[in-house]
Amino acid sequence: MTNPTLAAGAVEHHLRERRDAGRGLLMPYVTGCVTPNWTDYLRAFADAGADAIEIGLPFSDPTLDGVTIQQASDTALARGASIRRILADLSGLPDLGVPLVASTYYNLVLHDGPEAFCAALRRAGVDGLIVPDLPVHEADELADVAAATRVDLALLASPATPEPRLAEIADRSRGFVYAVSLMGTTGEQTALAASAAQLTGRIRRVTDRPVLLGFGISTPDQAREARRHADGVVVGAAVMRRVLDGAGPDDVRAFLATLRRALDQECDAPR
């Protein structure tokens, strides 16, 4: 049974509205402080048609992330990245018109405590949170605090998640359910994992909450295929590889625009 205190917030309302209008959802990712002008990428994401933006708060031991995001985290930390610095940068931004979703590991949440952490997110204009190493059976405290501060805590489901646990994740997640397409770390893939379709189908059977598919979405064709199964996609490593290779905001905007067109074409395709 859904906890009545865990009401959906701005992320879920925004994504539901766009999904229900027939739009394929796009959430690109950037590591905070990865470059001196890192917030310029956020505007580029919004201009390319992002429906939400994921901002990584770098951590020294990113166990769920592959080589590219690890390199981005190392680069950001070497530049002096911290939660306070990243949130201060966000606080000075004009409204981008799409919700911001922070992602990080539970160690950083515990450092200041869930109350202080979530309150800092809200002051910076962040509406959502992903904590990939927080299992659902240990999420009570953070989920309650996040709901009280109007932060949507999105939970992850993987191809190995058993049915009872999957139903609990779908019920308790807020904003969206993050469907992990494969058993592995983040990173670009040559093809969409076969497990992705099965997982998203299982999630859809237990919830009407938006389902975003991540881990390995790298090309327009993969985004188009993912949209056939999920409500949208999360794109991280493919973006960060370009940033680490020197791509500026305009270059990344152009890349994301190709994914936006692919999602739109799939939405317009006859069924």
C-alpha atoms as a PDB file:
ATOM      1  CA  MET A   1       0.000   0.000   0.000  1.00  0.00           C
ATOM      2  CA  THR A   2       1.299   3.455  -0.904  1.00  0.00           C
ATOM      3  CA  ASN A   3       2.378   5.600   2.049  1.00  0.00           C
ATOM      4  CA  PRO A   4       0.039   8.631   1.901  1.00  0.00           C
ATOM      5  CA  THR A   5       2.880  10.920   2.961  1.00  0.00           C
ATOM      6  CA  LEU A   6       4.842  10.040  -0.159  1.00  0.00           C
ATOM      7  CA  ALA A   7       2.933  12.202  -2.603  1.00  0.00           C
ATOM      8  CA  ALA A   8       4.337  12.718  -6.092  1.00  0.00           C
ATOM      9  CA  GLY A   9       6.096  16.020  -6.673  1.00  0.00           C
ATOM     10  CA  ALA A  10       7.147  18.256  -9.533  1.00  0.00           C
ATOM     11  CA  VAL A  11       9.196  15.667 -11.431  1.00  0.00           C
ATOM     12  CA  GLU A  12       6.375  13.166 -11.650  1.00  0.00           C
ATOM     13  CA  HIS A  13       3.723  15.743 -12.508  1.00  0.00           C
ATOM     14  CA  HIS A  14       5.928  17.158 -15.272  1.00  0.00           C
ATOM     15  CA  LEU A  15       6.835  13.781 -16.770  1.00  0.00           C
ATOM     16  CA  ARG A  16       3.298  12.414 -16.532  1.00  0.00           C
ATOM     17  CA  GLU A  17       1.916  15.457 -18.307  1.00  0.00           C
ATOM     18  CA  ARG A  18       4.378  15.144 -21.174  1.00  0.00           C
ATOM     19  CA  ARG A  19       4.045  11.375 -21.414  1.00  0.00           C
ATOM     20  CA  ASP A  20       0.267  11.542 -21.432  1.00  0.00           C
ATOM     21  CA  ALA A  21       0.491  14.051 -24.286  1.00  0.00           C
ATOM     22  CA  GLY A  22       2.258  11.342 -26.305  1.00  0.00           C
ATOM     23  CA  ARG A  23       5.816  12.573 -25.925  1.00  0.00           C
ATOM     24  CA  GLY A  24       8.822  10.288 -25.529  1.00  0.00           C
ATOM     25  CA  LEU A  25      10.786  11.436 -22.488  1.00  0.00           C
ATOM     26  CA  LEU A  26      14.455  12.414 -22.631  1.00  0.00           C
ATOM     27  CA  MET A  27      16.628  12.860 -19.529  1.00  0.00           C
ATOM     28  CA  PRO A  28      20.289  13.603 -20.278  1.00  0.00           C
ATOM     29  CA  TYR A  29      22.972  13.539 -17.586  1.00  0.00           C
ATOM     30  CA  VAL A  30      25.925  15.758 -16.727  1.00  0.00           C
ATOM     31  CA  THR A  31      28.429  15.452 -13.888  1.00  0.00           C
ATOM     32  CA  GLY A  32      28.414  18.618 -11.805  1.00  0.00           C
ATOM     33  CA  CYS A  33      31.590  20.735 -12.068  1.00  0.00           C
ATOM     34  CA  VAL A  34      33.072  18.492 -14.765  1.00  0.00           C
ATOM     35  CA  THR A  35      34.101  21.651 -16.697  1.00  0.00           C
ATOM     36  CA  PRO A  36      34.359  25.327 -15.714  1.00  0.00           C
ATOM     37  CA  ASN A  37      31.225  26.066 -17.777  1.00  0.00           C
ATOM     38  CA  TRP A  38      29.317  22.934 -16.791  1.00  0.00           C
ATOM     39  CA  THR A  39      25.990  24.700 -16.205  1.00  0.00           C
ATOM     40  CA  ASP A  40      25.993  25.822 -19.851  1.00  0.00           C
ATOM     41  CA  TYR A  41      25.320  22.196 -20.728  1.00  0.00           C
ATOM     42  CA  LEU A  42      22.069  22.347 -18.765  1.00  0.00           C
ATOM     43  CA  ARG A  43      20.724  25.097 -21.018  1.00  0.00           C
ATOM     44  CA  ALA A  44      21.889  23.115 -24.046  1.00  0.00           C
ATOM     45  CA  PHE A  45      19.986  20.072 -22.744  1.00  0.00           C
ATOM     46  CA  ALA A  46      16.813  22.100 -22.303  1.00  0.00           C
ATOM     47  CA  ASP A  47      17.191  23.688 -25.736  1.00  0.00           C
ATOM     48  CA  ALA A  48      17.618  20.226 -27.296  1.00  0.00           C
ATOM     49  CA  GLY A  49      14.261  19.128 -25.890  1.00  0.00           C
ATOM     50  CA  ALA A  50      15.106  17.455 -22.588  1.00  0.00           C
ATOM     51  CA  ASP A  51      12.124  16.683 -20.364  1.00  0.00           C
ATOM     52  CA  ALA A  52      14.231  16.444 -17.204  1.00  0.00           C
ATOM     53  CA  ILE A  53      17.944  16.795 -16.478  1.00  0.00           C
ATOM     54  CA  GLU A  54      20.025  14.502 -14.276  1.00  0.00           C
ATOM     55  CA  ILE A  55      22.956  16.089 -12.440  1.00  0.00           C
ATOM     56  CA  GLY A  56      25.580  13.807 -10.970  1.00  0.00           C
ATOM     57  CA  LEU A  57      27.027  14.782  -7.600  1.00  0.00           C
ATOM     58  CA  PRO A  58      30.459  13.137  -7.947  1.00  0.00           C
ATOM     59  CA  PHE A  59      31.594  10.555  -5.435  1.00  0.00           C
ATOM     60  CA  SER A  60      35.042   9.008  -5.031  1.00  0.00           C
ATOM     61  CA  ASP A  61      33.790   5.396  -5.298  1.00  0.00           C
ATOM     62  CA  PRO A  62      31.004   5.317  -7.924  1.00  0.00           C
ATOM     63  CA  THR A  63      30.397   1.570  -7.830  1.00  0.00           C
ATOM     64  CA  LEU A  64      27.491   1.543 -10.276  1.00  0.00           C
ATOM     65  CA  ASP A  65      29.197   3.688 -12.905  1.00  0.00           C
ATOM     66  CA  GLY A  66      31.345   2.561 -15.783  1.00  0.00           C
ATOM     67  CA  VAL A  67      34.597   4.027 -17.038  1.00  0.00           C
ATOM     68  CA  THR A  68      33.184   7.184 -18.637  1.00  0.00           C
ATOM     69  CA  ILE A  69      31.186   8.410 -15.641  1.00  0.00           C
ATOM     70  CA  GLN A  70      34.055   7.409 -13.347  1.00  0.00           C
ATOM     71  CA  GLN A  71      36.392   9.579 -15.413  1.00  0.00           C
ATOM     72  CA  ALA A  72      33.907  12.441 -15.305  1.00  0.00           C
ATOM     73  CA  SER A  73      33.639  12.130 -11.511  1.00  0.00           C
ATOM     74  CA  ASP A  74      37.422  12.066 -11.142  1.00  0.00           C
ATOM     75  CA  THR A  75      37.722  15.143 -13.346  1.00  0.00           C
ATOM     76  CA  ALA A  76      35.097  17.016 -11.366  1.00  0.00           C
ATOM     77  CA  LEU A  77      36.622  16.100  -8.000  1.00  0.00           C
ATOM     78  CA  ALA A  78      40.049  17.183  -9.229  1.00  0.00           C
ATOM     79  CA  ARG A  79      38.475  20.563 -10.037  1.00  0.00           C
ATOM     80  CA  GLY A  80      37.261  20.868  -6.459  1.00  0.00           C
ATOM     81  CA  ALA A  81      33.701  19.674  -6.942  1.00  0.00           C
ATOM     82  CA  SER A  82      31.544  19.375  -3.845  1.00  0.00           C
ATOM     83  CA  ILE A  83      27.829  19.196  -3.190  1.00  0.00           C
ATOM     84  CA  ARG A  84      27.821  22.756  -1.870  1.00  0.00           C
ATOM     85  CA  ARG A  85      29.673  24.114  -4.872  1.00  0.00           C
ATOM     86  CA  ILE A  86      27.423  22.309  -7.364  1.00  0.00           C
ATOM     87  CA  LEU A  87      24.235  23.406  -5.617  1.00  0.00           C
ATOM     88  CA  ALA A  88      25.538  26.965  -5.402  1.00  0.00           C
ATOM     89  CA  ASP A  89      26.068  26.925  -9.172  1.00  0.00           C
ATOM     90  CA  LEU A  90      22.520  25.665  -9.660  1.00  0.00           C
ATOM     91  CA  SER A  91      21.073  28.291  -7.335  1.00  0.00           C
ATOM     92  CA  GLY A  92      22.261  31.043  -9.652  1.00  0.00           C
ATOM     93  CA  LEU A  93      20.595  29.628 -12.766  1.00  0.00           C
ATOM     94  CA  PRO A  94      17.436  30.979 -14.377  1.00  0.00           C
ATOM     95  CA  ASP A  95      14.502  28.566 -14.649  1.00  0.00           C
ATOM     96  CA  LEU A  96      15.231  26.036 -17.396  1.00  0.00           C
ATOM     97  CA  GLY A  97      11.617  24.954 -17.708  1.00  0.00           C
ATOM     98  CA  VAL A  98      12.355  21.307 -16.874  1.00  0.00           C
ATOM     99  CA  PRO A  99      12.904  19.596 -13.504  1.00  0.00           C
ATOM    100  CA  LEU A 100      16.401  18.914 -12.220  1.00  0.00           C
ATOM    101  CA  VAL A 101      17.168  15.512 -10.705  1.00  0.00           C
ATOM    102  CA  ALA A 102      20.313  15.000  -8.613  1.00  0.00           C
ATOM    103  CA  SER A 103      21.978  11.601  -8.524  1.00  0.00           C
ATOM    104  CA  THR A 104      24.600  10.421  -6.078  1.00  0.00           C
ATOM    105  CA  TYR A 105      25.549   7.703  -3.635  1.00  0.00           C
ATOM    106  CA  TYR A 106      24.120   7.254  -0.170  1.00  0.00           C
ATOM    107  CA  ASN A 107      27.400   8.109   1.579  1.00  0.00           C
ATOM    108  CA  LEU A 108      26.983  11.715   0.503  1.00  0.00           C
ATOM    109  CA  VAL A 109      23.385  11.795   1.728  1.00  0.00           C
ATOM    110  CA  LEU A 110      24.446  10.442   5.110  1.00  0.00           C
ATOM    111  CA  HIS A 111      27.329  12.900   5.438  1.00  0.00           C
ATOM    112  CA  ASP A 112      25.013  15.815   6.226  1.00  0.00           C
ATOM    113  CA  GLY A 113      21.952  13.696   7.010  1.00  0.00           C
ATOM    114  CA  PRO A 114      18.834  13.229   4.842  1.00  0.00           C
ATOM    115  CA  GLU A 115      17.058  16.334   6.213  1.00  0.00           C
ATOM    116  CA  ALA A 116      19.904  18.742   5.520  1.00  0.00           C
ATOM    117  CA  PHE A 117      20.712  17.072   2.203  1.00  0.00           C
ATOM    118  CA  CYS A 118      17.168  17.255   0.822  1.00  0.00           C
ATOM    119  CA  ALA A 119      16.658  20.788   2.120  1.00  0.00           C
ATOM    120  CA  ALA A 120      19.831  21.871   0.298  1.00  0.00           C
ATOM    121  CA  LEU A 121      18.564  20.292  -2.923  1.00  0.00           C
ATOM    122  CA  ARG A 122      15.292  22.199  -2.728  1.00  0.00           C
ATOM    123  CA  ARG A 123      17.008  25.523  -2.000  1.00  0.00           C
ATOM    124  CA  ALA A 124      19.042  24.991  -5.169  1.00  0.00           C
ATOM    125  CA  GLY A 125      15.929  24.274  -7.240  1.00  0.00           C
ATOM    126  CA  VAL A 126      16.422  20.508  -7.514  1.00  0.00           C
ATOM    127  CA  ASP A 127      13.147  18.554  -7.678  1.00  0.00           C
ATOM    128  CA  GLY A 128      14.273  14.930  -7.761  1.00  0.00           C
ATOM    129  CA  LEU A 129      16.873  12.505  -6.453  1.00  0.00           C
ATOM    130  CA  ILE A 130      18.365   9.162  -7.540  1.00  0.00           C
ATOM    131  CA  VAL A 131      20.466   7.137  -5.069  1.00  0.00           C
ATOM    132  CA  PRO A 132      21.434   3.968  -6.936  1.00  0.00           C
ATOM    133  CA  ASP A 133      23.032   2.164  -3.975  1.00  0.00           C
ATOM    134  CA  LEU A 134      20.014   2.644  -1.689  1.00  0.00           C
ATOM    135  CA  PRO A 135      17.897  -0.556  -1.637  1.00  0.00           C
ATOM    136  CA  VAL A 136      14.155  -0.173  -1.287  1.00  0.00           C
ATOM    137  CA  HIS A 137      14.041  -1.973   2.073  1.00  0.00           C
ATOM    138  CA  GLU A 138      16.403   0.647   3.543  1.00  0.00           C
ATOM    139  CA  ALA A 139      14.797   3.685   1.908  1.00  0.00           C
ATOM    140  CA  ASP A 140      12.184   4.575   4.547  1.00  0.00           C
ATOM    141  CA  GLU A 141      14.010   7.468   6.196  1.00  0.00           C
ATOM    142  CA  LEU A 142      15.182   9.154   3.014  1.00  0.00           C
ATOM    143  CA  ALA A 143      11.846   8.562   1.261  1.00  0.00           C
ATOM    144  CA  ASP A 144       9.925  10.239   4.083  1.00  0.00           C
ATOM    145  CA  VAL A 145      12.319  13.182   4.281  1.00  0.00           C
ATOM    146  CA  ALA A 146      12.362  13.606   0.507  1.00  0.00           C
ATOM    147  CA  ALA A 147       8.564  13.633   0.356  1.00  0.00           C
ATOM    148  CA  ALA A 148       8.380  16.181   3.166  1.00  0.00           C
ATOM    149  CA  THR A 149      10.746  18.489   1.271  1.00  0.00           C
ATOM    150  CA  ARG A 150       9.007  17.916  -2.094  1.00  0.00           C
ATOM    151  CA  VAL A 151      11.882  15.976  -3.632  1.00  0.00           C
ATOM    152  CA  ASP A 152      10.855  13.004  -5.809  1.00  0.00           C
ATOM    153  CA  LEU A 153      13.023  10.025  -4.842  1.00  0.00           C
ATOM    154  CA  ALA A 154      13.183   7.745  -7.898  1.00  0.00           C
ATOM    155  CA  LEU A 155      14.077   4.106  -7.286  1.00  0.00           C
ATOM    156  CA  LEU A 156      15.840   1.676  -9.613  1.00  0.00           C
ATOM    157  CA  ALA A 157      14.751  -1.731 -10.882  1.00  0.00           C
ATOM    158  CA  SER A 158      16.990  -4.205 -12.695  1.00  0.00           C
ATOM    159  CA  PRO A 159      16.383  -7.299 -14.828  1.00  0.00           C
ATOM    160  CA  ALA A 160      17.180  -9.420 -11.750  1.00  0.00           C
ATOM    161  CA  THR A 161      14.614  -7.740  -9.487  1.00  0.00           C
ATOM    162  CA  PRO A 162      12.073 -10.361  -8.335  1.00  0.00           C
ATOM    163  CA  GLU A 163       8.360  -9.684  -8.779  1.00  0.00           C
ATOM    164  CA  PRO A 164       7.404  -8.798  -5.163  1.00  0.00           C
ATOM    165  CA  ARG A 165      10.350  -6.424  -4.869  1.00  0.00           C
ATOM    166  CA  LEU A 166       9.611  -4.917  -8.278  1.00  0.00           C
ATOM    167  CA  ALA A 167       6.062  -4.132  -7.197  1.00  0.00           C
ATOM    168  CA  GLU A 168       7.361  -2.459  -4.031  1.00  0.00           C
ATOM    169  CA  ILE A 169       9.889  -0.394  -5.979  1.00  0.00           C
ATOM    170  CA  ALA A 170       7.237   0.735  -8.457  1.00  0.00           C
ATOM    171  CA  ASP A 171       4.853   1.624  -5.626  1.00  0.00           C
ATOM    172  CA  ARG A 172       7.367   3.569  -3.551  1.00  0.00           C
ATOM    173  CA  SER A 173       9.284   5.313  -6.340  1.00  0.00           C
ATOM    174  CA  ARG A 174       8.383   8.928  -7.035  1.00  0.00           C
ATOM    175  CA  GLY A 175       8.969  10.917 -10.212  1.00  0.00           C
ATOM    176  CA  PHE A 176       9.550   7.838 -12.333  1.00  0.00           C
ATOM    177  CA  VAL A 177      10.863   4.305 -12.109  1.00  0.00           C
ATOM    178  CA  TYR A 178      14.446   4.031 -13.355  1.00  0.00           C
ATOM    179  CA  ALA A 179      14.666   0.818 -15.367  1.00  0.00           C
ATOM    180  CA  VAL A 180      18.254  -0.471 -15.550  1.00  0.00           C
ATOM    181  CA  SER A 181      18.495  -2.105 -18.961  1.00  0.00           C
ATOM    182  CA  LEU A 182      21.214  -4.623 -18.103  1.00  0.00           C
ATOM    183  CA  MET A 183      23.084  -6.250 -15.255  1.00  0.00           C
ATOM    184  CA  GLY A 184      26.238  -4.166 -15.254  1.00  0.00           C
ATOM    185  CA  THR A 185      27.574  -0.648 -14.906  1.00  0.00           C
ATOM    186  CA  THR A 186      26.726   2.456 -16.877  1.00  0.00           C
ATOM    187  CA  GLY A 187      28.337   2.899 -20.281  1.00  0.00           C
ATOM    188  CA  GLU A 188      27.697   3.036 -23.992  1.00  0.00           C
ATOM    189  CA  GLN A 189      26.513  -0.155 -25.696  1.00  0.00           C
ATOM    190  CA  THR A 190      26.470  -1.232 -29.323  1.00  0.00           C
ATOM    191  CA  ALA A 191      22.864  -2.393 -29.005  1.00  0.00           C
ATOM    192  CA  LEU A 192      20.014  -2.122 -26.570  1.00  0.00           C
ATOM    193  CA  ALA A 193      20.149  -5.027 -24.132  1.00  0.00           C
ATOM    194  CA  ALA A 194      17.555  -7.730 -24.768  1.00  0.00           C
ATOM    195  CA  SER A 195      16.630  -7.622 -21.076  1.00  0.00           C
ATOM    196  CA  ALA A 196      15.359  -4.039 -21.426  1.00  0.00           C
ATOM    197  CA  ALA A 197      12.049  -4.903 -23.088  1.00  0.00           C
ATOM    198  CA  GLN A 198      11.222  -7.621 -20.601  1.00  0.00           C
ATOM    199  CA  LEU A 199      12.020  -5.420 -17.598  1.00  0.00           C
ATOM    200  CA  THR A 200       9.988  -2.440 -18.770  1.00  0.00           C
ATOM    201  CA  GLY A 201       7.068  -4.734 -19.545  1.00  0.00           C
ATOM    202  CA  ARG A 202       7.198  -6.111 -16.019  1.00  0.00           C
ATOM    203  CA  ILE A 203       7.285  -2.619 -14.520  1.00  0.00           C
ATOM    204  CA  ARG A 204       4.376  -1.415 -16.651  1.00  0.00           C
ATOM    205  CA  ARG A 205       2.245  -4.272 -15.368  1.00  0.00           C
ATOM    206  CA  VAL A 206       2.527  -3.005 -11.778  1.00  0.00           C
ATOM    207  CA  THR A 207       2.481   0.795 -12.139  1.00  0.00           C
ATOM    208  CA  ASP A 208       1.304   3.706 -14.255  1.00  0.00           C
ATOM    209  CA  ARG A 209       4.264   5.796 -13.079  1.00  0.00           C
ATOM    210  CA  PRO A 210       6.587   6.963 -15.911  1.00  0.00           C
ATOM    211  CA  VAL A 211       9.301   4.448 -16.751  1.00  0.00           C
ATOM    212  CA  LEU A 212      12.675   5.717 -17.956  1.00  0.00           C
ATOM    213  CA  LEU A 213      15.175   3.261 -19.389  1.00  0.00           C
ATOM    214  CA  GLY A 214      18.872   3.846 -18.784  1.00  0.00           C
ATOM    215  CA  PHE A 215      22.320   2.209 -18.978  1.00  0.00           C
ATOM    216  CA  GLY A 216      23.666   2.019 -22.503  1.00  0.00           C
ATOM    217  CA  ILE A 217      21.369   4.319 -24.512  1.00  0.00           C
ATOM    218  CA  SER A 218      23.889   5.785 -26.939  1.00  0.00           C
ATOM    219  CA  THR A 219      22.363   6.312 -30.400  1.00  0.00           C
ATOM    220  CA  PRO A 220      19.137   7.530 -32.024  1.00  0.00           C
ATOM    221  CA  ASP A 221      18.297   3.965 -33.082  1.00  0.00           C
ATOM    222  CA  GLN A 222      18.683   2.737 -29.507  1.00  0.00           C
ATOM    223  CA  ALA A 223      16.537   5.625 -28.221  1.00  0.00           C
ATOM    224  CA  ARG A 224      13.882   4.797 -30.802  1.00  0.00           C
ATOM    225  CA  GLU A 225      13.901   1.130 -29.832  1.00  0.00           C
ATOM    226  CA  ALA A 226      13.823   1.955 -26.119  1.00  0.00           C
ATOM    227  CA  ARG A 227      10.786   4.176 -26.650  1.00  0.00           C
ATOM    228  CA  ARG A 228       8.865   1.164 -27.960  1.00  0.00           C
ATOM    229  CA  HIS A 229       9.098  -0.332 -24.480  1.00  0.00           C
ATOM    230  CA  ALA A 230       9.561   2.553 -22.009  1.00  0.00           C
ATOM    231  CA  ASP A 231       8.203   6.078 -21.671  1.00  0.00           C
ATOM    232  CA  GLY A 232      11.624   7.542 -22.271  1.00  0.00           C
ATOM    233  CA  VAL A 233      15.373   7.261 -21.873  1.00  0.00           C
ATOM    234  CA  VAL A 234      18.215   8.383 -19.636  1.00  0.00           C
ATOM    235  CA  VAL A 235      21.402   9.237 -21.537  1.00  0.00           C
ATOM    236  CA  GLY A 236      24.571   9.589 -19.487  1.00  0.00           C
ATOM    237  CA  ALA A 237      27.783   8.006 -20.740  1.00  0.00           C
ATOM    238  CA  ALA A 238      27.166   8.991 -24.365  1.00  0.00           C
ATOM    239  CA  VAL A 239      26.877  12.621 -23.278  1.00  0.00           C
ATOM    240  CA  MET A 240      29.806  12.549 -20.879  1.00  0.00           C
ATOM    241  CA  ARG A 241      32.145  10.878 -23.371  1.00  0.00           C
ATOM    242  CA  ARG A 242      31.570  13.819 -25.679  1.00  0.00           C
ATOM    243  CA  VAL A 243      32.121  16.318 -22.890  1.00  0.00           C
ATOM    244  CA  LEU A 244      35.334  14.615 -21.789  1.00  0.00           C
ATOM    245  CA  ASP A 245      36.507  14.613 -25.413  1.00  0.00           C
ATOM    246  CA  GLY A 246      36.046  18.398 -25.528  1.00  0.00           C
ATOM    247  CA  ALA A 247      32.550  18.796 -26.982  1.00  0.00           C
ATOM    248  CA  GLY A 248      31.004  22.120 -26.033  1.00  0.00           C
ATOM    249  CA  PRO A 249      27.376  22.813 -25.186  1.00  0.00           C
ATOM    250  CA  ASP A 250      26.440  23.401 -28.837  1.00  0.00           C
ATOM    251  CA  ASP A 251      27.952  20.069 -29.864  1.00  0.00           C
ATOM    252  CA  VAL A 252      26.094  18.220 -27.120  1.00  0.00           C
ATOM    253  CA  ARG A 253      22.869  20.040 -28.016  1.00  0.00           C
ATOM    254  CA  ALA A 254      23.225  18.802 -31.586  1.00  0.00           C
ATOM    255  CA  PHE A 255      23.748  15.206 -30.390  1.00  0.00           C
ATOM    256  CA  LEU A 256      20.753  15.294 -28.074  1.00  0.00           C
ATOM    257  CA  ALA A 257      18.640  16.811 -30.834  1.00  0.00           C
ATOM    258  CA  THR A 258      19.189  13.610 -32.835  1.00  0.00           C
ATOM    259  CA  LEU A 259      17.845  11.584 -29.899  1.00  0.00           C
ATOM    260  CA  ARG A 260      14.923  13.978 -29.523  1.00  0.00           C
ATOM    261  CA  ARG A 261      13.999  13.508 -33.182  1.00  0.00           C
ATOM    262  CA  ALA A 262      14.275   9.720 -32.845  1.00  0.00           C
ATOM    263  CA  LEU A 263      11.950   9.702 -29.838  1.00  0.00           C
ATOM    264  CA  ASP A 264       9.487  11.959 -31.635  1.00  0.00           C
ATOM    265  CA  GLN A 265       9.566   9.807 -34.760  1.00  0.00           C
ATOM    266  CA  GLU A 266       8.831   6.697 -32.729  1.00  0.00           C
ATOM    267  CA  CYS A 267       5.925   8.464 -31.047  1.00  0.00           C
ATOM    268  CA  ASP A 268       4.544   9.420 -34.457  1.00  0.00           C
ATOM    269  CA  ALA A 269       5.000   5.959 -35.955  1.00  0.00           C
ATOM    270  CA  PRO A 270       1.815   4.006 -36.706  1.00  0.00           C
ATOM    271  CA  ARG A 271       1.002   1.276 -34.210  1.00  0.00           C
END
